PDB file of N, CA and C in Angstrom:
ATOM      1  N   MET A   1      88.649  63.398 111.984  1.00  0.00           N
ATOM      2  CA  MET A   1      88.705  63.808 113.374  1.00  0.00           C
ATOM      3  C   MET A   1      87.572  64.793 113.633  1.00  0.00           C
ATOM      4  N   GLU A   2      86.839  64.601 114.711  1.00  0.00           N
ATOM      5  CA  GLU A   2      85.721  65.473 115.046  1.00  0.00           C
ATOM      6  C   GLU A   2      86.204  66.909 115.166  1.00  0.00           C
ATOM      7  N   SER A   3      85.437  67.860 114.620  1.00  0.00           N
ATOM      8  CA  SER A   3      85.915  69.236 114.441  1.00  0.00           C
ATOM      9  C   SER A   3      86.243  69.948 115.751  1.00  0.00           C
ATOM     10  N   GLN A   4      85.433  69.822 116.795  1.00  0.00           N
ATOM     11  CA  GLN A   4      85.725  70.492 118.065  1.00  0.00           C
ATOM     12  C   GLN A   4      87.005  69.947 118.681  1.00  0.00           C
ATOM     13  N   PHE A   5      87.164  68.632 118.614  1.00  0.00           N
ATOM     14  CA  PHE A   5      88.361  68.003 119.156  1.00  0.00           C
ATOM     15  C   PHE A   5      89.586  68.463 118.378  1.00  0.00           C
ATOM     16  N   LYS A   6      89.475  68.446 117.057  1.00  0.00           N
ATOM     17  CA  LYS A   6      90.589  68.873 116.205  1.00  0.00           C
ATOM     18  C   LYS A   6      90.941  70.329 116.469  1.00  0.00           C
ATOM     19  N   ARG A   7      89.921  71.158 116.652  1.00  0.00           N
ATOM     20  CA  ARG A   7      90.148  72.576 116.935  1.00  0.00           C
ATOM     21  C   ARG A   7      90.964  72.736 118.213  1.00  0.00           C
ATOM     22  N   GLY A   8      90.593  72.008 119.264  1.00  0.00           N
ATOM     23  CA  GLY A   8      91.324  72.078 120.530  1.00  0.00           C
ATOM     24  C   GLY A   8      92.754  71.604 120.393  1.00  0.00           C
ATOM     25  N   VAL A   9      92.944  70.543 119.631  1.00  0.00           N
ATOM     26  CA  VAL A   9      94.291  70.006 119.422  1.00  0.00           C
ATOM     27  C   VAL A   9      95.138  71.009 118.643  1.00  0.00           C
ATOM     28  N   LEU A  10      94.574  71.612 117.604  1.00  0.00           N
ATOM     29  CA  LEU A  10      95.328  72.595 116.817  1.00  0.00           C
ATOM     30  C   LEU A  10      95.671  73.824 117.650  1.00  0.00           C
ATOM     31  N   ASP A  11      94.727  74.285 118.464  1.00  0.00           N
ATOM     32  CA  ASP A  11      95.016  75.420 119.350  1.00  0.00           C
ATOM     33  C   ASP A  11      96.192  75.091 120.259  1.00  0.00           C
ATOM     34  N   ALA A  12      96.142  73.913 120.884  1.00  0.00           N
ATOM     35  CA  ALA A  12      97.207  73.503 121.796  1.00  0.00           C
ATOM     36  C   ALA A  12      98.540  73.368 121.069  1.00  0.00           C
ATOM     37  N   LEU A  13      98.516  72.830 119.868  1.00  0.00           N
ATOM     38  CA  LEU A  13      99.744  72.653 119.103  1.00  0.00           C
ATOM     39  C   LEU A  13     100.365  73.996 118.741  1.00  0.00           C
ATOM     40  N   VAL A  14      99.553  74.943 118.303  1.00  0.00           N
ATOM     41  CA  VAL A  14     100.071  76.280 117.967  1.00  0.00           C
ATOM     42  C   VAL A  14     100.661  76.928 119.210  1.00  0.00           C
ATOM     43  N   LEU A  15      99.967  76.832 120.333  1.00  0.00           N
ATOM     44  CA  LEU A  15     100.483  77.406 121.575  1.00  0.00           C
ATOM     45  C   LEU A  15     101.798  76.739 121.987  1.00  0.00           C
ATOM     46  N   ALA A  16     101.862  75.422 121.866  1.00  0.00           N
ATOM     47  CA  ALA A  16     103.077  74.702 122.240  1.00  0.00           C
ATOM     48  C   ALA A  16     104.261  75.094 121.356  1.00  0.00           C
ATOM     49  N   VAL A  17     104.019  75.255 120.062  1.00  0.00           N
ATOM     50  CA  VAL A  17     105.087  75.691 119.161  1.00  0.00           C
ATOM     51  C   VAL A  17     105.563  77.086 119.559  1.00  0.00           C
ATOM     52  N   LEU A  18     104.626  77.955 119.923  1.00  0.00           N
ATOM     53  CA  LEU A  18     104.995  79.321 120.299  1.00  0.00           C
ATOM     54  C   LEU A  18     105.636  79.403 121.678  1.00  0.00           C
ATOM     55  N   GLU A  19     105.477  78.370 122.490  1.00  0.00           N
ATOM     56  CA  GLU A  19     106.187  78.338 123.774  1.00  0.00           C
ATOM     57  C   GLU A  19     107.698  78.311 123.564  1.00  0.00           C
ATOM     58  N   LYS A  20     108.129  77.786 122.433  1.00  0.00           N
ATOM     59  CA  LYS A  20     109.566  77.711 122.130  1.00  0.00           C
ATOM     60  C   LYS A  20     110.123  79.053 121.688  1.00  0.00           C
ATOM     61  N   GLY A  21     109.249  79.996 121.347  1.00  0.00           N
ATOM     62  CA  GLY A  21     109.678  81.320 120.928  1.00  0.00           C
ATOM     63  C   GLY A  21     108.729  81.907 119.912  1.00  0.00           C
ATOM     64  N   GLU A  22     108.814  83.217 119.750  1.00  0.00           N
ATOM     65  CA  GLU A  22     107.918  83.891 118.818  1.00  0.00           C
ATOM     66  C   GLU A  22     108.123  83.374 117.399  1.00  0.00           C
ATOM     67  N   SER A  23     107.090  83.569 116.588  1.00  0.00           N
ATOM     68  CA  SER A  23     107.156  83.102 115.211  1.00  0.00           C
ATOM     69  C   SER A  23     106.177  83.907 114.371  1.00  0.00           C
ATOM     70  N   TYR A  24     106.219  83.678 113.073  1.00  0.00           N
ATOM     71  CA  TYR A  24     105.322  84.356 112.134  1.00  0.00           C
ATOM     72  C   TYR A  24     104.568  83.290 111.341  1.00  0.00           C
ATOM     73  N   GLY A  25     103.524  83.725 110.637  1.00  0.00           N
ATOM     74  CA  GLY A  25     102.588  82.815 109.992  1.00  0.00           C
ATOM     75  C   GLY A  25     103.195  81.711 109.151  1.00  0.00           C
ATOM     76  N   TYR A  26     104.005  82.061 108.172  1.00  0.00           N
ATOM     77  CA  TYR A  26     104.550  81.043 107.266  1.00  0.00           C
ATOM     78  C   TYR A  26     105.391  80.018 108.027  1.00  0.00           C
ATOM     79  N   LYS A  27     106.205  80.502 108.971  1.00  0.00           N
ATOM     80  CA  LYS A  27     107.036  79.586 109.751  1.00  0.00           C
ATOM     81  C   LYS A  27     106.165  78.696 110.640  1.00  0.00           C
ATOM     82  N   LEU A  28     105.093  79.259 111.173  1.00  0.00           N
ATOM     83  CA  LEU A  28     104.184  78.445 111.986  1.00  0.00           C
ATOM     84  C   LEU A  28     103.542  77.335 111.156  1.00  0.00           C
ATOM     85  N   VAL A  29     103.167  77.637 109.930  1.00  0.00           N
ATOM     86  CA  VAL A  29     102.602  76.609 109.054  1.00  0.00           C
ATOM     87  C   VAL A  29     103.604  75.463 108.901  1.00  0.00           C
ATOM     88  N   ARG A  30     104.859  75.790 108.695  1.00  0.00           N
ATOM     89  CA  ARG A  30     105.895  74.747 108.547  1.00  0.00           C
ATOM     90  C   ARG A  30     106.093  73.983 109.851  1.00  0.00           C
ATOM     91  N   ASP A  31     106.193  74.716 110.972  1.00  0.00           N
ATOM     92  CA  ASP A  31     106.461  74.062 112.260  1.00  0.00           C
ATOM     93  C   ASP A  31     105.294  73.183 112.714  1.00  0.00           C
ATOM     94  N   VAL A  32     104.082  73.690 112.603  1.00  0.00           N
ATOM     95  CA  VAL A  32     102.905  72.906 112.969  1.00  0.00           C
ATOM     96  C   VAL A  32     102.729  71.763 111.972  1.00  0.00           C
ATOM     97  N   GLY A  33     103.088  72.014 110.715  1.00  0.00           N
ATOM     98  CA  GLY A  33     102.972  71.013 109.661  1.00  0.00           C
ATOM     99  C   GLY A  33     103.831  69.780 109.871  1.00  0.00           C
ATOM    100  N   GLU A  34     104.798  69.871 110.776  1.00  0.00           N
ATOM    101  CA  GLU A  34     105.598  68.681 111.108  1.00  0.00           C
ATOM    102  C   GLU A  34     104.750  67.637 111.824  1.00  0.00           C
ATOM    103  N   PHE A  35     103.634  68.073 112.424  1.00  0.00           N
ATOM    104  CA  PHE A  35     102.794  67.180 113.219  1.00  0.00           C
ATOM    105  C   PHE A  35     101.457  66.872 112.564  1.00  0.00           C
ATOM    106  N   ILE A  36     100.906  67.866 111.851  1.00  0.00           N
ATOM    107  CA  ILE A  36      99.600  67.700 111.215  1.00  0.00           C
ATOM    108  C   ILE A  36      99.557  68.625 110.009  1.00  0.00           C
ATOM    109  N   GLU A  37      98.936  68.168 108.959  1.00  0.00           N
ATOM    110  CA  GLU A  37      98.840  68.985 107.751  1.00  0.00           C
ATOM    111  C   GLU A  37      97.967  70.207 108.039  1.00  0.00           C
ATOM    112  N   ILE A  38      98.491  71.378 107.731  1.00  0.00           N
ATOM    113  CA  ILE A  38      97.769  72.619 107.991  1.00  0.00           C
ATOM    114  C   ILE A  38      98.113  73.632 106.899  1.00  0.00           C
ATOM    115  N   THR A  39      97.152  74.451 106.549  1.00  0.00           N
ATOM    116  CA  THR A  39      97.366  75.490 105.548  1.00  0.00           C
ATOM    117  C   THR A  39      97.273  76.853 106.229  1.00  0.00           C
ATOM    118  N   GLU A  40      97.711  77.872 105.517  1.00  0.00           N
ATOM    119  CA  GLU A  40      97.598  79.224 106.049  1.00  0.00           C
ATOM    120  C   GLU A  40      96.140  79.590 106.288  1.00  0.00           C
ATOM    121  N   SER A  41      95.243  79.132 105.417  1.00  0.00           N
ATOM    122  CA  SER A  41      93.827  79.458 105.579  1.00  0.00           C
ATOM    123  C   SER A  41      93.226  78.789 106.816  1.00  0.00           C
ATOM    124  N   THR A  42      93.858  77.745 107.324  1.00  0.00           N
ATOM    125  CA  THR A  42      93.436  77.129 108.575  1.00  0.00           C
ATOM    126  C   THR A  42      94.119  77.801 109.754  1.00  0.00           C
ATOM    127  N   LEU A  43      95.401  78.141 109.591  1.00  0.00           N
ATOM    128  CA  LEU A  43      96.176  78.705 110.694  1.00  0.00           C
ATOM    129  C   LEU A  43      95.699  80.091 111.112  1.00  0.00           C
ATOM    130  N   TYR A  44      95.450  80.977 110.161  1.00  0.00           N
ATOM    131  CA  TYR A  44      95.152  82.360 110.530  1.00  0.00           C
ATOM    132  C   TYR A  44      93.884  82.524 111.358  1.00  0.00           C
ATOM    133  N   PRO A  45      92.811  81.784 111.109  1.00  0.00           N
ATOM    134  CA  PRO A  45      91.660  81.864 112.031  1.00  0.00           C
ATOM    135  C   PRO A  45      92.006  81.378 113.447  1.00  0.00           C
ATOM    136  N   ILE A  46      92.879  80.382 113.537  1.00  0.00           N
ATOM    137  CA  ILE A  46      93.323  79.899 114.848  1.00  0.00           C
ATOM    138  C   ILE A  46      94.078  81.016 115.570  1.00  0.00           C
ATOM    139  N   LEU A  47      95.005  81.655 114.868  1.00  0.00           N
ATOM    140  CA  LEU A  47      95.774  82.752 115.473  1.00  0.00           C
ATOM    141  C   LEU A  47      94.847  83.881 115.906  1.00  0.00           C
ATOM    142  N   LYS A  48      93.883  84.211 115.074  1.00  0.00           N
ATOM    143  CA  LYS A  48      92.931  85.282 115.400  1.00  0.00           C
ATOM    144  C   LYS A  48      92.143  84.927 116.663  1.00  0.00           C
ATOM    145  N   ARG A  49      91.690  83.682 116.756  1.00  0.00           N
ATOM    146  CA  ARG A  49      90.933  83.224 117.928  1.00  0.00           C
ATOM    147  C   ARG A  49      91.798  83.260 119.190  1.00  0.00           C
ATOM    148  N   LEU A  50      93.055  82.814 119.069  1.00  0.00           N
ATOM    149  CA  LEU A  50      93.957  82.800 120.226  1.00  0.00           C
ATOM    150  C   LEU A  50      94.319  84.218 120.660  1.00  0.00           C
ATOM    151  N   LEU A  51      94.468  85.124 119.701  1.00  0.00           N
ATOM    152  CA  LEU A  51      94.716  86.533 120.021  1.00  0.00           C
ATOM    153  C   LEU A  51      93.520  87.119 120.762  1.00  0.00           C
ATOM    154  N   ALA A  52      92.309  86.875 120.260  1.00  0.00           N
ATOM    155  CA  ALA A  52      91.088  87.417 120.874  1.00  0.00           C
ATOM    156  C   ALA A  52      90.905  86.897 122.298  1.00  0.00           C
ATOM    157  N   ALA A  53      91.362  85.683 122.551  1.00  0.00           N
ATOM    158  CA  ALA A  53      91.234  85.079 123.881  1.00  0.00           C
ATOM    159  C   ALA A  53      92.339  85.530 124.830  1.00  0.00           C
ATOM    160  N   GLY A  54      93.293  86.299 124.320  1.00  0.00           N
ATOM    161  CA  GLY A  54      94.391  86.764 125.160  1.00  0.00           C
ATOM    162  C   GLY A  54      95.462  85.725 125.398  1.00  0.00           C
ATOM    163  N   LEU A  55      95.459  84.660 124.586  1.00  0.00           N
ATOM    164  CA  LEU A  55      96.454  83.594 124.735  1.00  0.00           C
ATOM    165  C   LEU A  55      97.727  83.893 123.955  1.00  0.00           C
ATOM    166  N   LEU A  56      97.618  84.825 123.014  1.00  0.00           N
ATOM    167  CA  LEU A  56      98.743  85.275 122.199  1.00  0.00           C
ATOM    168  C   LEU A  56      98.729  86.795 122.130  1.00  0.00           C
ATOM    169  N   VAL A  57      99.884  87.346 121.790  1.00  0.00           N
ATOM    170  CA  VAL A  57      99.996  88.752 121.403  1.00  0.00           C
ATOM    171  C   VAL A  57     100.727  88.767 120.074  1.00  0.00           C
ATOM    172  N   SER A  58     100.536  89.851 119.330  1.00  0.00           N
ATOM    173  CA  SER A  58     101.237  89.958 118.043  1.00  0.00           C
ATOM    174  C   SER A  58     101.887  91.323 117.946  1.00  0.00           C
ATOM    175  N   GLU A  59     102.905  91.369 117.095  1.00  0.00           N
ATOM    176  CA  GLU A  59     103.644  92.603 116.853  1.00  0.00           C
ATOM    177  C   GLU A  59     104.096  92.595 115.398  1.00  0.00           C
ATOM    178  N   SER A  60     103.852  93.683 114.699  1.00  0.00           N
ATOM    179  CA  SER A  60     104.306  93.805 113.317  1.00  0.00           C
ATOM    180  C   SER A  60     105.671  94.459 113.297  1.00  0.00           C
ATOM    181  N   ARG A  61     106.575  93.854 112.522  1.00  0.00           N
ATOM    182  CA  ARG A  61     107.925  94.390 112.364  1.00  0.00           C
ATOM    183  C   ARG A  61     108.335  94.286 110.908  1.00  0.00           C
ATOM    184  N   GLU A  62     109.200  95.173 110.528  1.00  0.00           N
ATOM    185  CA  GLU A  62     109.691  95.154 109.153  1.00  0.00           C
ATOM    186  C   GLU A  62     110.731  94.047 108.995  1.00  0.00           C
ATOM    187  N   TYR A  63     110.617  93.344 107.880  1.00  0.00           N
ATOM    188  CA  TYR A  63     111.573  92.293 107.530  1.00  0.00           C
ATOM    189  C   TYR A  63     111.765  92.361 106.012  1.00  0.00           C
ATOM    190  N   ASN A  64     112.959  92.627 105.571  1.00  0.00           N
ATOM    191  CA  ASN A  64     113.270  92.764 104.143  1.00  0.00           C
ATOM    192  C   ASN A  64     112.324  93.730 103.436  1.00  0.00           C
ATOM    193  N   GLY A  65     112.055  94.835 104.085  1.00  0.00           N
ATOM    194  CA  GLY A  65     111.228  95.867 103.472  1.00  0.00           C
ATOM    195  C   GLY A  65     109.734  95.638 103.553  1.00  0.00           C
ATOM    196  N   ARG A  66     109.295  94.548 104.180  1.00  0.00           N
ATOM    197  CA  ARG A  66     107.869  94.248 104.315  1.00  0.00           C
ATOM    198  C   ARG A  66     107.534  94.067 105.784  1.00  0.00           C
ATOM    199  N   LEU A  67     106.274  94.328 106.116  1.00  0.00           N
ATOM    200  CA  LEU A  67     105.830  94.079 107.486  1.00  0.00           C
ATOM    201  C   LEU A  67     105.514  92.604 107.672  1.00  0.00           C
ATOM    202  N   ARG A  68     105.994  92.082 108.759  1.00  0.00           N
ATOM    203  CA  ARG A  68     105.732  90.685 109.106  1.00  0.00           C
ATOM    204  C   ARG A  68     105.153  90.684 110.519  1.00  0.00           C
ATOM    205  N   LYS A  69     104.081  89.927 110.737  1.00  0.00           N
ATOM    206  CA  LYS A  69     103.452  89.858 112.043  1.00  0.00           C
ATOM    207  C   LYS A  69     104.027  88.676 112.818  1.00  0.00           C
ATOM    208  N   TYR A  70     104.572  88.979 113.989  1.00  0.00           N
ATOM    209  CA  TYR A  70     105.146  87.962 114.871  1.00  0.00           C
ATOM    210  C   TYR A  70     104.172  87.694 116.016  1.00  0.00           C
ATOM    211  N   TYR A  71     104.047  86.435 116.375  1.00  0.00           N
ATOM    212  CA  TYR A  71     103.146  86.002 117.437  1.00  0.00           C
ATOM    213  C   TYR A  71     103.955  85.443 118.599  1.00  0.00           C
ATOM    214  N   SER A  72     103.497  85.769 119.818  1.00  0.00           N
ATOM    215  CA  SER A  72     104.125  85.268 121.048  1.00  0.00           C
ATOM    216  C   SER A  72     103.036  84.795 121.994  1.00  0.00           C
ATOM    217  N   ILE A  73     103.366  83.790 122.774  1.00  0.00           N
ATOM    218  CA  ILE A  73     102.414  83.266 123.753  1.00  0.00           C
ATOM    219  C   ILE A  73     102.442  84.154 124.997  1.00  0.00           C
ATOM    220  N   THR A  74     101.284  84.292 125.635  1.00  0.00           N
ATOM    221  CA  THR A  74     101.178  85.056 126.874  1.00  0.00           C
ATOM    222  C   THR A  74     101.201  84.102 128.068  1.00  0.00           C
ATOM    223  N   ASP A  75     101.282  84.664 129.269  1.00  0.00           N
ATOM    224  CA  ASP A  75     101.195  83.829 130.463  1.00  0.00           C
ATOM    225  C   ASP A  75      99.856  83.096 130.507  1.00  0.00           C
ATOM    226  N   LYS A  76      98.803  83.776 130.081  1.00  0.00           N
ATOM    227  CA  LYS A  76      97.485  83.140 130.019  1.00  0.00           C
ATOM    228  C   LYS A  76      97.504  81.966 129.044  1.00  0.00           C
ATOM    229  N   GLY A  77      98.244  82.095 127.944  1.00  0.00           N
ATOM    230  CA  GLY A  77      98.384  81.012 126.980  1.00  0.00           C
ATOM    231  C   GLY A  77      99.109  79.819 127.569  1.00  0.00           C
ATOM    232  N   ARG A  78     100.150  80.094 128.360  1.00  0.00           N
ATOM    233  CA  ARG A  78     100.886  79.007 129.022  1.00  0.00           C
ATOM    234  C   ARG A  78      99.986  78.276 130.025  1.00  0.00           C
ATOM    235  N   GLU A  79      99.179  79.041 130.767  1.00  0.00           N
ATOM    236  CA  GLU A  79      98.238  78.431 131.708  1.00  0.00           C
ATOM    237  C   GLU A  79      97.216  77.580 130.954  1.00  0.00           C
ATOM    238  N   HIS A  80      96.801  78.059 129.795  1.00  0.00           N
ATOM    239  CA  HIS A  80      95.830  77.317 128.978  1.00  0.00           C
ATOM    240  C   HIS A  80      96.406  75.971 128.544  1.00  0.00           C
ATOM    241  N   ILE A  81      97.667  75.949 128.153  1.00  0.00           N
ATOM    242  CA  ILE A  81      98.302  74.680 127.772  1.00  0.00           C
ATOM    243  C   ILE A  81      98.318  73.728 128.964  1.00  0.00           C
ATOM    244  N   THR A  82      98.640  74.229 130.136  1.00  0.00           N
ATOM    245  CA  THR A  82      98.651  73.394 131.341  1.00  0.00           C
ATOM    246  C   THR A  82      97.272  72.793 131.586  1.00  0.00           C
ATOM    247  N   ASP A  83      96.233  73.613 131.455  1.00  0.00           N
ATOM    248  CA  ASP A  83      94.861  73.116 131.621  1.00  0.00           C
ATOM    249  C   ASP A  83      94.521  72.068 130.571  1.00  0.00           C
ATOM    250  N   LEU A  84      94.915  72.328 129.324  1.00  0.00           N
ATOM    251  CA  LEU A  84      94.649  71.369 128.252  1.00  0.00           C
ATOM    252  C   LEU A  84      95.351  70.044 128.512  1.00  0.00           C
ATOM    253  N   MET A  85      96.558  70.089 129.050  1.00  0.00           N
ATOM    254  CA  MET A  85      97.295  68.858 129.330  1.00  0.00           C
ATOM    255  C   MET A  85      96.593  68.039 130.414  1.00  0.00           C
ATOM    256  N   ARG A  86      96.027  68.712 131.406  1.00  0.00           N
ATOM    257  CA  ARG A  86      95.256  67.994 132.433  1.00  0.00           C
ATOM    258  C   ARG A  86      94.052  67.307 131.796  1.00  0.00           C
ATOM    259  N   GLU A  87      93.362  68.024 130.924  1.00  0.00           N
ATOM    260  CA  GLU A  87      92.212  67.444 130.224  1.00  0.00           C
ATOM    261  C   GLU A  87      92.658  66.280 129.348  1.00  0.00           C
ATOM    262  N   TRP A  88      93.798  66.439 128.693  1.00  0.00           N
ATOM    263  CA  TRP A  88      94.301  65.404 127.803  1.00  0.00           C
ATOM    264  C   TRP A  88      94.586  64.125 128.570  1.00  0.00           C
ATOM    265  N   GLU A  89      95.144  64.258 129.774  1.00  0.00           N
ATOM    266  CA  GLU A  89      95.416  63.075 130.592  1.00  0.00           C
ATOM    267  C   GLU A  89      94.124  62.306 130.873  1.00  0.00           C
ATOM    268  N   SER A  90      93.047  63.033 131.107  1.00  0.00           N
ATOM    269  CA  SER A  90      91.749  62.397 131.320  1.00  0.00           C
ATOM    270  C   SER A  90      91.270  61.697 130.051  1.00  0.00           C
ATOM    271  N   ILE A  91      91.436  62.343 128.918  1.00  0.00           N
ATOM    272  CA  ILE A  91      91.031  61.754 127.635  1.00  0.00           C
ATOM    273  C   ILE A  91      91.836  60.483 127.352  1.00  0.00           C
ATOM    274  N   VAL A  92      93.121  60.499 127.657  1.00  0.00           N
ATOM    275  CA  VAL A  92      93.968  59.320 127.439  1.00  0.00           C
ATOM    276  C   VAL A  92      93.498  58.162 128.312  1.00  0.00           C
ATOM    277  N   ARG A  93      93.136  58.443 129.562  1.00  0.00           N
ATOM    278  CA  ARG A  93      92.624  57.371 130.437  1.00  0.00           C
ATOM    279  C   ARG A  93      91.358  56.765 129.851  1.00  0.00           C
ATOM    280  N   ILE A  94      90.459  57.611 129.349  1.00  0.00           N
ATOM    281  CA  ILE A  94      89.218  57.119 128.740  1.00  0.00           C
ATOM    282  C   ILE A  94      89.530  56.301 127.487  1.00  0.00           C
ATOM    283  N   TYR A  95      90.422  56.815 126.666  1.00  0.00           N
ATOM    284  CA  TYR A  95      90.829  56.102 125.442  1.00  0.00           C
ATOM    285  C   TYR A  95      91.392  54.727 125.788  1.00  0.00           C
ATOM    286  N   ASN A  96      92.288  54.677 126.766  1.00  0.00           N
ATOM    287  CA  ASN A  96      92.905  53.409 127.156  1.00  0.00           C
ATOM    288  C   ASN A  96      91.858  52.425 127.679  1.00  0.00           C
ATOM    289  N   TYR A  97      90.893  52.913 128.437  1.00  0.00           N
ATOM    290  CA  TYR A  97      89.827  52.048 128.936  1.00  0.00           C
ATOM    291  C   TYR A  97      89.026  51.460 127.776  1.00  0.00           C
ATOM    292  N   ILE A  98      88.637  52.330 126.849  1.00  0.00           N
ATOM    293  CA  ILE A  98      87.852  51.864 125.693  1.00  0.00           C
ATOM    294  C   ILE A  98      88.654  50.856 124.875  1.00  0.00           C
ATOM    295  N   LYS A  99      89.915  51.142 124.668  1.00  0.00           N
ATOM    296  CA  LYS A  99      90.786  50.257 123.888  1.00  0.00           C
ATOM    297  C   LYS A  99      90.892  48.884 124.560  1.00  0.00           C
ATOM    298  N   GLU A 100      91.084  48.869 125.865  1.00  0.00           N
ATOM    299  CA  GLU A 100      91.216  47.608 126.604  1.00  0.00           C
ATOM    300  C   GLU A 100      89.912  46.832 126.573  1.00  0.00           C
ATOM    301  N   GLU A 101      88.773  47.512 126.677  1.00  0.00           N
ATOM    302  CA  GLU A 101      87.484  46.840 126.693  1.00  0.00           C
ATOM    303  C   GLU A 101      87.130  46.230 125.345  1.00  0.00           C
ATOM    304  N   ARG A 102      87.678  46.781 124.287  1.00  0.00           N
ATOM    305  CA  ARG A 102      87.364  46.275 122.933  1.00  0.00           C
ATOM    306  C   ARG A 102      88.231  45.091 122.543  1.00  0.00           C
ATOM    307  N   GLN A 103      89.199  44.755 123.333  1.00  0.00           N
ATOM    308  CA  GLN A 103      90.101  43.639 122.975  1.00  0.00           C
ATOM    309  C   GLN A 103      89.548  42.326 123.436  1.00  0.00           C
TER     310      GLN A 103
END
């Protein structure tokens, strides 16, 4: 999968998972992993990028004596998903056209 496209899809997937509620890194790897194979070394740069863009916020809290960072989607993040879905609809139309023309 082309890297820019994959990056956009992974960003959208992480945001969509977080729309269901806050989460932390390891759990996000498992939840996102239901759809696409992902490692922590791939996830954390995505989270950092989404935080820098204001699409997520994070909060550190103690859990079993250790600090755990929880991530939540912002209103800006929700708007971003809506924009991505509009773009996706356009991509699907193009894909369907190409698919039909190749038959």
